[in-house]
Amino acid sequence: MEKTLLRPVIDQIATGEKIKKIRKEQGLSVRDIQNIFGFDYPQAVYAWEQGRNVPTIDNLLVLSSLFKVQISDLIVTRQVEIILETTDYPKSA
């Protein structure tokens, strides 16, 4: 027997685009974000914005505080359909 469920997942590309959009709306540069986080190089910020990586929950917390938005406003999700194979076991007496 099969059962179909929808599972939410983070859309990395759309989340990165949203972070970039909010950053620009706030008038911040990638270098500004790099300095706020204390990163040696800006690659981590570029990786977020290009959807190659998603910020850790700690970094999302900092971004939400910096941008004055909820963490959920930074994350874009989509639904993935999964199929569960279930086995009907006979009921014991």
PDB file of N, CA and C in Angstrom:
ATOM      1  N   MET A   1       0.846  -1.173   0.000  1.00  0.00           N
ATOM      2  CA  MET A   1       0.000   0.000   0.000  1.00  0.00           C
ATOM      3  C   MET A   1       0.897   1.244   0.000  1.00  0.00           C
ATOM      4  N   GLU A   2       0.522   2.240  -0.785  1.00  0.00           N
ATOM      5  CA  GLU A   2       1.285   3.479  -0.864  1.00  0.00           C
ATOM      6  C   GLU A   2       0.503   4.626  -0.253  1.00  0.00           C
ATOM      7  N   LYS A   3       1.247   5.529   0.346  1.00  0.00           N
ATOM      8  CA  LYS A   3       0.648   6.730   0.899  1.00  0.00           C
ATOM      9  C   LYS A   3       1.493   7.908   0.425  1.00  0.00           C
ATOM     10  N   THR A   4       0.853   8.944  -0.105  1.00  0.00           N
ATOM     11  CA  THR A   4       1.558  10.115  -0.606  1.00  0.00           C
ATOM     12  C   THR A   4       1.446  11.253   0.404  1.00  0.00           C
ATOM     13  N   LEU A   5       2.589  11.842   0.705  1.00  0.00           N
ATOM     14  CA  LEU A   5       2.644  12.972   1.634  1.00  0.00           C
ATOM     15  C   LEU A   5       3.392  14.125   0.986  1.00  0.00           C
ATOM     16  N   LEU A   6       3.108  15.332   1.454  1.00  0.00           N
ATOM     17  CA  LEU A   6       3.867  16.497   1.037  1.00  0.00           C
ATOM     18  C   LEU A   6       4.795  16.894   2.171  1.00  0.00           C
ATOM     19  N   ARG A   7       6.056  17.061   1.841  1.00  0.00           N
ATOM     20  CA  ARG A   7       7.062  17.413   2.836  1.00  0.00           C
ATOM     21  C   ARG A   7       7.654  18.764   2.471  1.00  0.00           C
ATOM     22  N   PRO A   8       7.648  19.721   3.412  1.00  0.00           N
ATOM     23  CA  PRO A   8       8.247  21.016   3.100  1.00  0.00           C
ATOM     24  C   PRO A   8       9.772  20.938   3.097  1.00  0.00           C
ATOM     25  N   VAL A   9      10.382  21.618   2.137  1.00  0.00           N
ATOM     26  CA  VAL A   9      11.838  21.728   2.081  1.00  0.00           C
ATOM     27  C   VAL A   9      12.186  23.188   1.782  1.00  0.00           C
ATOM     28  N   ILE A  10      13.384  23.591   2.169  1.00  0.00           N
ATOM     29  CA  ILE A  10      13.834  24.945   1.886  1.00  0.00           C
ATOM     30  C   ILE A  10      14.256  25.036   0.421  1.00  0.00           C
ATOM     31  N   ASP A  11      13.715  26.009  -0.273  1.00  0.00           N
ATOM     32  CA  ASP A  11      14.118  26.291  -1.646  1.00  0.00           C
ATOM     33  C   ASP A  11      15.349  27.193  -1.545  1.00  0.00           C
ATOM     34  N   GLN A  12      16.527  26.611  -1.713  1.00  0.00           N
ATOM     35  CA  GLN A  12      17.773  27.342  -1.507  1.00  0.00           C
ATOM     36  C   GLN A  12      17.933  28.518  -2.457  1.00  0.00           C
ATOM     37  N   ILE A  13      17.572  28.329  -3.717  1.00  0.00           N
ATOM     38  CA  ILE A  13      17.724  29.395  -4.708  1.00  0.00           C
ATOM     39  C   ILE A  13      16.812  30.568  -4.358  1.00  0.00           C
ATOM     40  N   ALA A  14      15.539  30.292  -4.116  1.00  0.00           N
ATOM     41  CA  ALA A  14      14.586  31.354  -3.802  1.00  0.00           C
ATOM     42  C   ALA A  14      14.919  32.028  -2.471  1.00  0.00           C
ATOM     43  N   THR A  15      15.403  31.252  -1.504  1.00  0.00           N
ATOM     44  CA  THR A  15      15.802  31.828  -0.217  1.00  0.00           C
ATOM     45  C   THR A  15      16.982  32.773  -0.414  1.00  0.00           C
ATOM     46  N   GLY A  16      17.959  32.365  -1.206  1.00  0.00           N
ATOM     47  CA  GLY A  16      19.104  33.223  -1.490  1.00  0.00           C
ATOM     48  C   GLY A  16      18.707  34.509  -2.184  1.00  0.00           C
ATOM     49  N   GLU A  17      17.788  34.384  -3.138  1.00  0.00           N
ATOM     50  CA  GLU A  17      17.308  35.571  -3.846  1.00  0.00           C
ATOM     51  C   GLU A  17      16.592  36.516  -2.890  1.00  0.00           C
ATOM     52  N   LYS A  18      15.852  35.951  -1.946  1.00  0.00           N
ATOM     53  CA  LYS A  18      15.127  36.776  -0.977  1.00  0.00           C
ATOM     54  C   LYS A  18      16.098  37.493  -0.037  1.00  0.00           C
ATOM     55  N   ILE A  19      17.110  36.785   0.427  1.00  0.00           N
ATOM     56  CA  ILE A  19      18.121  37.408   1.294  1.00  0.00           C
ATOM     57  C   ILE A  19      18.804  38.561   0.554  1.00  0.00           C
ATOM     58  N   LYS A  20      19.161  38.325  -0.702  1.00  0.00           N
ATOM     59  CA  LYS A  20      19.816  39.361  -1.509  1.00  0.00           C
ATOM     60  C   LYS A  20      18.896  40.564  -1.689  1.00  0.00           C
ATOM     61  N   LYS A  21      17.636  40.320  -1.993  1.00  0.00           N
ATOM     62  CA  LYS A  21      16.658  41.397  -2.197  1.00  0.00           C
ATOM     63  C   LYS A  21      16.509  42.241  -0.931  1.00  0.00           C
ATOM     64  N   ILE A  22      16.359  41.578   0.214  1.00  0.00           N
ATOM     65  CA  ILE A  22      16.192  42.304   1.476  1.00  0.00           C
ATOM     66  C   ILE A  22      17.470  43.075   1.811  1.00  0.00           C
ATOM     67  N   ARG A  23      18.614  42.445   1.594  1.00  0.00           N
ATOM     68  CA  ARG A  23      19.890  43.134   1.854  1.00  0.00           C
ATOM     69  C   ARG A  23      19.982  44.428   1.059  1.00  0.00           C
ATOM     70  N   LYS A  24      19.639  44.348  -0.228  1.00  0.00           N
ATOM     71  CA  LYS A  24      19.707  45.533  -1.082  1.00  0.00           C
ATOM     72  C   LYS A  24      18.686  46.580  -0.649  1.00  0.00           C
ATOM     73  N   GLU A  25      17.479  46.142  -0.288  1.00  0.00           N
ATOM     74  CA  GLU A  25      16.460  47.073   0.192  1.00  0.00           C
ATOM     75  C   GLU A  25      16.926  47.803   1.456  1.00  0.00           C
ATOM     76  N   GLN A  26      17.734  47.130   2.259  1.00  0.00           N
ATOM     77  CA  GLN A  26      18.251  47.719   3.486  1.00  0.00           C
ATOM     78  C   GLN A  26      19.468  48.613   3.228  1.00  0.00           C
ATOM     79  N   GLY A  27      19.931  48.639   1.984  1.00  0.00           N
ATOM     80  CA  GLY A  27      21.069  49.476   1.629  1.00  0.00           C
ATOM     81  C   GLY A  27      22.400  48.928   2.115  1.00  0.00           C
ATOM     82  N   LEU A  28      22.472  47.605   2.278  1.00  0.00           N
ATOM     83  CA  LEU A  28      23.699  46.959   2.756  1.00  0.00           C
ATOM     84  C   LEU A  28      24.417  46.264   1.608  1.00  0.00           C
ATOM     85  N   SER A  29      25.730  46.279   1.653  1.00  0.00           N
ATOM     86  CA  SER A  29      26.532  45.579   0.651  1.00  0.00           C
ATOM     87  C   SER A  29      26.906  44.193   1.182  1.00  0.00           C
ATOM     88  N   VAL A  30      27.412  43.372   0.288  1.00  0.00           N
ATOM     89  CA  VAL A  30      27.915  42.059   0.709  1.00  0.00           C
ATOM     90  C   VAL A  30      29.043  42.249   1.715  1.00  0.00           C
ATOM     91  N   ARG A  31      29.895  43.241   1.480  1.00  0.00           N
ATOM     92  CA  ARG A  31      31.004  43.521   2.414  1.00  0.00           C
ATOM     93  C   ARG A  31      30.467  43.922   3.792  1.00  0.00           C
ATOM     94  N   ASP A  32      29.355  44.677   3.830  1.00  0.00           N
ATOM     95  CA  ASP A  32      28.743  45.026   5.116  1.00  0.00           C
ATOM     96  C   ASP A  32      28.343  43.758   5.874  1.00  0.00           C
ATOM     97  N   ILE A  33      27.691  42.846   5.181  1.00  0.00           N
ATOM     98  CA  ILE A  33      27.258  41.582   5.812  1.00  0.00           C
ATOM     99  C   ILE A  33      28.477  40.786   6.254  1.00  0.00           C
ATOM    100  N   GLN A  34      29.489  40.722   5.405  1.00  0.00           N
ATOM    101  CA  GLN A  34      30.736  40.026   5.743  1.00  0.00           C
ATOM    102  C   GLN A  34      31.311  40.575   7.048  1.00  0.00           C
ATOM    103  N   ASN A  35      31.376  41.886   7.163  1.00  0.00           N
ATOM    104  CA  ASN A  35      31.938  42.516   8.360  1.00  0.00           C
ATOM    105  C   ASN A  35      31.076  42.295   9.595  1.00  0.00           C
ATOM    106  N   ILE A  36      29.763  42.339   9.436  1.00  0.00           N
ATOM    107  CA  ILE A  36      28.858  42.106  10.569  1.00  0.00           C
ATOM    108  C   ILE A  36      29.063  40.703  11.135  1.00  0.00           C
ATOM    109  N   PHE A  37      29.243  39.737  10.250  1.00  0.00           N
ATOM    110  CA  PHE A  37      29.438  38.354  10.687  1.00  0.00           C
ATOM    111  C   PHE A  37      30.884  38.056  11.067  1.00  0.00           C
ATOM    112  N   GLY A  38      31.799  38.933  10.695  1.00  0.00           N
ATOM    113  CA  GLY A  38      33.197  38.703  11.009  1.00  0.00           C
ATOM    114  C   GLY A  38      33.850  37.669  10.113  1.00  0.00           C
ATOM    115  N   PHE A  39      33.279  37.483   8.904  1.00  0.00           N
ATOM    116  CA  PHE A  39      33.865  36.536   7.955  1.00  0.00           C
ATOM    117  C   PHE A  39      35.137  37.138   7.360  1.00  0.00           C
ATOM    118  N   ASP A  40      36.150  36.291   7.148  1.00  0.00           N
ATOM    119  CA  ASP A  40      37.381  36.748   6.508  1.00  0.00           C
ATOM    120  C   ASP A  40      37.163  37.093   5.042  1.00  0.00           C
ATOM    121  N   TYR A  41      36.251  36.361   4.399  1.00  0.00           N
ATOM    122  CA  TYR A  41      35.985  36.530   2.973  1.00  0.00           C
ATOM    123  C   TYR A  41      34.478  36.604   2.739  1.00  0.00           C
ATOM    124  N   PRO A  42      34.033  37.214   1.643  1.00  0.00           N
ATOM    125  CA  PRO A  42      32.603  37.359   1.386  1.00  0.00           C
ATOM    126  C   PRO A  42      31.947  36.129   0.753  1.00  0.00           C
ATOM    127  N   GLN A  43      32.723  35.077   0.501  1.00  0.00           N
ATOM    128  CA  GLN A  43      32.194  33.917  -0.220  1.00  0.00           C
ATOM    129  C   GLN A  43      30.971  33.295   0.452  1.00  0.00           C
ATOM    130  N   ALA A  44      30.924  33.293   1.776  1.00  0.00           N
ATOM    131  CA  ALA A  44      29.774  32.702   2.471  1.00  0.00           C
ATOM    132  C   ALA A  44      28.499  33.467   2.134  1.00  0.00           C
ATOM    133  N   VAL A  45      28.592  34.776   2.103  1.00  0.00           N
ATOM    134  CA  VAL A  45      27.416  35.601   1.787  1.00  0.00           C
ATOM    135  C   VAL A  45      26.995  35.370   0.334  1.00  0.00           C
ATOM    136  N   TYR A  46      27.969  35.343  -0.571  1.00  0.00           N
ATOM    137  CA  TYR A  46      27.650  35.062  -1.972  1.00  0.00           C
ATOM    138  C   TYR A  46      27.025  33.676  -2.123  1.00  0.00           C
ATOM    139  N   ALA A  47      27.524  32.698  -1.385  1.00  0.00           N
ATOM    140  CA  ALA A  47      26.969  31.342  -1.453  1.00  0.00           C
ATOM    141  C   ALA A  47      25.512  31.324  -1.002  1.00  0.00           C
ATOM    142  N   TRP A  48      25.183  32.095   0.052  1.00  0.00           N
ATOM    143  CA  TRP A  48      23.778  32.191   0.484  1.00  0.00           C
ATOM    144  C   TRP A  48      22.933  32.785  -0.628  1.00  0.00           C
ATOM    145  N   GLU A  49      23.398  33.909  -1.165  1.00  0.00           N
ATOM    146  CA  GLU A  49      22.605  34.643  -2.144  1.00  0.00           C
ATOM    147  C   GLU A  49      22.459  33.907  -3.467  1.00  0.00           C
ATOM    148  N   GLN A  50      23.396  33.045  -3.788  1.00  0.00           N
ATOM    149  CA  GLN A  50      23.318  32.266  -5.024  1.00  0.00           C
ATOM    150  C   GLN A  50      22.622  30.925  -4.819  1.00  0.00           C
ATOM    151  N   GLY A  51      22.213  30.646  -3.585  1.00  0.00           N
ATOM    152  CA  GLY A  51      21.491  29.416  -3.310  1.00  0.00           C
ATOM    153  C   GLY A  51      22.357  28.178  -3.231  1.00  0.00           C
ATOM    154  N   ARG A  52      23.662  28.351  -3.091  1.00  0.00           N
ATOM    155  CA  ARG A  52      24.545  27.187  -2.951  1.00  0.00           C
ATOM    156  C   ARG A  52      24.515  26.658  -1.526  1.00  0.00           C
ATOM    157  N   ASN A  53      24.297  27.550  -0.565  1.00  0.00           N
ATOM    158  CA  ASN A  53      24.200  27.181   0.850  1.00  0.00           C
ATOM    159  C   ASN A  53      23.060  27.975   1.479  1.00  0.00           C
ATOM    160  N   VAL A  54      22.581  27.465   2.593  1.00  0.00           N
ATOM    161  CA  VAL A  54      21.581  28.172   3.389  1.00  0.00           C
ATOM    162  C   VAL A  54      22.270  28.581   4.689  1.00  0.00           C
ATOM    163  N   PRO A  55      22.031  29.798   5.160  1.00  0.00           N
ATOM    164  CA  PRO A  55      22.645  30.199   6.429  1.00  0.00           C
ATOM    165  C   PRO A  55      22.229  29.261   7.561  1.00  0.00           C
ATOM    166  N   THR A  56      23.115  29.063   8.510  1.00  0.00           N
ATOM    167  CA  THR A  56      22.769  28.269   9.692  1.00  0.00           C
ATOM    168  C   THR A  56      21.662  28.988  10.449  1.00  0.00           C
ATOM    169  N   ILE A  57      21.031  28.300  11.357  1.00  0.00           N
ATOM    170  CA  ILE A  57      19.963  28.917  12.145  1.00  0.00           C
ATOM    171  C   ILE A  57      20.501  30.115  12.934  1.00  0.00           C
ATOM    172  N   ASP A  58      21.725  30.011  13.441  1.00  0.00           N
ATOM    173  CA  ASP A  58      22.333  31.146  14.148  1.00  0.00           C
ATOM    174  C   ASP A  58      22.492  32.348  13.221  1.00  0.00           C
ATOM    175  N   ASN A  59      22.956  32.099  12.007  1.00  0.00           N
ATOM    176  CA  ASN A  59      23.135  33.186  11.056  1.00  0.00           C
ATOM    177  C   ASN A  59      21.797  33.745  10.578  1.00  0.00           C
ATOM    178  N   LEU A  60      20.784  32.881  10.448  1.00  0.00           N
ATOM    179  CA  LEU A  60      19.445  33.373  10.114  1.00  0.00           C
ATOM    180  C   LEU A  60      18.909  34.278  11.216  1.00  0.00           C
ATOM    181  N   LEU A  61      19.214  33.933  12.452  1.00  0.00           N
ATOM    182  CA  LEU A  61      18.788  34.756  13.584  1.00  0.00           C
ATOM    183  C   LEU A  61      19.414  36.151  13.504  1.00  0.00           C
ATOM    184  N   VAL A  62      20.704  36.206  13.173  1.00  0.00           N
ATOM    185  CA  VAL A  62      21.386  37.490  13.035  1.00  0.00           C
ATOM    186  C   VAL A  62      20.803  38.275  11.855  1.00  0.00           C
ATOM    187  N   LEU A  63      20.606  37.603  10.719  1.00  0.00           N
ATOM    188  CA  LEU A  63      20.039  38.286   9.554  1.00  0.00           C
ATOM    189  C   LEU A  63      18.645  38.835   9.855  1.00  0.00           C
ATOM    190  N   SER A  64      17.825  38.051  10.538  1.00  0.00           N
ATOM    191  CA  SER A  64      16.469  38.519  10.844  1.00  0.00           C
ATOM    192  C   SER A  64      16.506  39.733  11.760  1.00  0.00           C
ATOM    193  N   SER A  65      17.416  39.743  12.704  1.00  0.00           N
ATOM    194  CA  SER A  65      17.559  40.890  13.593  1.00  0.00           C
ATOM    195  C   SER A  65      18.089  42.105  12.831  1.00  0.00           C
ATOM    196  N   LEU A  66      19.085  41.889  12.002  1.00  0.00           N
ATOM    197  CA  LEU A  66      19.680  42.959  11.215  1.00  0.00           C
ATOM    198  C   LEU A  66      18.656  43.576  10.256  1.00  0.00           C
ATOM    199  N   PHE A  67      17.898  42.723   9.577  1.00  0.00           N
ATOM    200  CA  PHE A  67      16.928  43.183   8.584  1.00  0.00           C
ATOM    201  C   PHE A  67      15.588  43.575   9.203  1.00  0.00           C
ATOM    202  N   LYS A  68      15.425  43.275  10.508  1.00  0.00           N
ATOM    203  CA  LYS A  68      14.174  43.557  11.222  1.00  0.00           C
ATOM    204  C   LYS A  68      12.987  42.829  10.581  1.00  0.00           C
ATOM    205  N   VAL A  69      13.200  41.541  10.305  1.00  0.00           N
ATOM    206  CA  VAL A  69      12.149  40.665   9.767  1.00  0.00           C
ATOM    207  C   VAL A  69      12.171  39.364  10.565  1.00  0.00           C
ATOM    208  N   GLN A  70      11.125  38.596  10.446  1.00  0.00           N
ATOM    209  CA  GLN A  70      11.075  37.276  11.066  1.00  0.00           C
ATOM    210  C   GLN A  70      11.952  36.312  10.261  1.00  0.00           C
ATOM    211  N   ILE A  71      12.482  35.296  10.925  1.00  0.00           N
ATOM    212  CA  ILE A  71      13.264  34.276  10.209  1.00  0.00           C
ATOM    213  C   ILE A  71      12.424  33.671   9.088  1.00  0.00           C
ATOM    214  N   SER A  72      11.155  33.446   9.354  1.00  0.00           N
ATOM    215  CA  SER A  72      10.280  32.845   8.340  1.00  0.00           C
ATOM    216  C   SER A  72      10.131  33.741   7.108  1.00  0.00           C
ATOM    217  N   ASP A  73      10.396  35.044   7.265  1.00  0.00           N
ATOM    218  CA  ASP A  73      10.350  35.950   6.118  1.00  0.00           C
ATOM    219  C   ASP A  73      11.579  35.802   5.225  1.00  0.00           C
ATOM    220  N   LEU A  74      12.628  35.186   5.732  1.00  0.00           N
ATOM    221  CA  LEU A  74      13.855  34.993   4.966  1.00  0.00           C
ATOM    222  C   LEU A  74      13.857  33.676   4.197  1.00  0.00           C
ATOM    223  N   ILE A  75      13.098  32.719   4.687  1.00  0.00           N
ATOM    224  CA  ILE A  75      13.132  31.362   4.134  1.00  0.00           C
ATOM    225  C   ILE A  75      11.965  31.137   3.185  1.00  0.00           C
ATOM    226  N   VAL A  76      12.276  30.590   2.012  1.00  0.00           N
ATOM    227  CA  VAL A  76      11.241  30.215   1.048  1.00  0.00           C
ATOM    228  C   VAL A  76      11.193  28.691   1.024  1.00  0.00           C
ATOM    229  N   THR A  77       9.996  28.153   1.166  1.00  0.00           N
ATOM    230  CA  THR A  77       9.844  26.700   1.146  1.00  0.00           C
ATOM    231  C   THR A  77       9.025  26.263  -0.064  1.00  0.00           C
ATOM    232  N   ARG A  78       9.162  25.006  -0.367  1.00  0.00           N
ATOM    233  CA  ARG A  78       8.328  24.375  -1.393  1.00  0.00           C
ATOM    234  C   ARG A  78       7.974  22.989  -0.890  1.00  0.00           C
ATOM    235  N   GLN A  79       6.970  22.403  -1.488  1.00  0.00           N
ATOM    236  CA  GLN A  79       6.511  21.084  -1.074  1.00  0.00           C
ATOM    237  C   GLN A  79       7.073  20.014  -2.015  1.00  0.00           C
ATOM    238  N   VAL A  80       7.572  18.943  -1.421  1.00  0.00           N
ATOM    239  CA  VAL A  80       8.071  17.811  -2.192  1.00  0.00           C
ATOM    240  C   VAL A  80       7.169  16.625  -1.883  1.00  0.00           C
ATOM    241  N   GLU A  81       6.718  15.991  -2.933  1.00  0.00           N
ATOM    242  CA  GLU A  81       5.846  14.834  -2.759  1.00  0.00           C
ATOM    243  C   GLU A  81       6.691  13.602  -2.476  1.00  0.00           C
ATOM    244  N   ILE A  82       6.351  12.902  -1.421  1.00  0.00           N
ATOM    245  CA  ILE A  82       7.041  11.644  -1.111  1.00  0.00           C
ATOM    246  C   ILE A  82       6.014  10.530  -1.050  1.00  0.00           C
ATOM    247  N   ILE A  83       6.429   9.368  -1.449  1.00  0.00           N
ATOM    248  CA  ILE A  83       5.548   8.199  -1.433  1.00  0.00           C
ATOM    249  C   ILE A  83       6.081   7.228  -0.395  1.00  0.00           C
ATOM    250  N   LEU A  84       5.221   6.901   0.549  1.00  0.00           N
ATOM    251  CA  LEU A  84       5.584   5.940   1.581  1.00  0.00           C
ATOM    252  C   LEU A  84       5.008   4.583   1.226  1.00  0.00           C
ATOM    253  N   GLU A  85       5.870   3.611   1.283  1.00  0.00           N
ATOM    254  CA  GLU A  85       5.413   2.242   1.104  1.00  0.00           C
ATOM    255  C   GLU A  85       5.022   1.732   2.486  1.00  0.00           C
ATOM    256  N   THR A  86       3.771   1.402   2.650  1.00  0.00           N
ATOM    257  CA  THR A  86       3.321   0.904   3.945  1.00  0.00           C
ATOM    258  C   THR A  86       2.934  -0.556   3.822  1.00  0.00           C
ATOM    259  N   THR A  87       3.102  -1.240   4.892  1.00  0.00           N
ATOM    260  CA  THR A  87       2.735  -2.648   4.950  1.00  0.00           C
ATOM    261  C   THR A  87       1.619  -2.810   5.971  1.00  0.00           C
ATOM    262  N   ASP A  88       0.568  -3.453   5.551  1.00  0.00           N
ATOM    263  CA  ASP A  88      -0.526  -3.744   6.477  1.00  0.00           C
ATOM    264  C   ASP A  88      -0.208  -5.031   7.213  1.00  0.00           C
ATOM    265  N   TYR A  89      -0.021  -4.903   8.517  1.00  0.00           N
ATOM    266  CA  TYR A  89       0.250  -6.076   9.322  1.00  0.00           C
ATOM    267  C   TYR A  89      -1.066  -6.625   9.830  1.00  0.00           C
ATOM    268  N   PRO A  90      -1.175  -7.944   9.896  1.00  0.00           N
ATOM    269  CA  PRO A  90      -2.418  -8.529  10.431  1.00  0.00           C
ATOM    270  C   PRO A  90      -2.575  -8.141  11.911  1.00  0.00           C
ATOM    271  N   LYS A  91      -3.791  -7.840  12.283  1.00  0.00           N
ATOM    272  CA  LYS A  91      -4.069  -7.499  13.677  1.00  0.00           C
ATOM    273  C   LYS A  91      -3.992  -8.756  14.527  1.00  0.00           C
ATOM    274  N   SER A  92      -3.347  -8.590  15.692  1.00  0.00           N
ATOM    275  CA  SER A  92      -3.244  -9.754  16.582  1.00  0.00           C
ATOM    276  C   SER A  92      -4.551  -9.889  17.360  1.00  0.00           C
ATOM    277  N   ALA A  93      -4.835 -11.111  17.728  1.00  0.00           N
ATOM    278  CA  ALA A  93      -6.097 -11.396  18.430  1.00  0.00           C
ATOM    279  C   ALA A  93      -6.039 -11.055  19.886  1.00  0.00           C
TER     280      ALA A  93
END
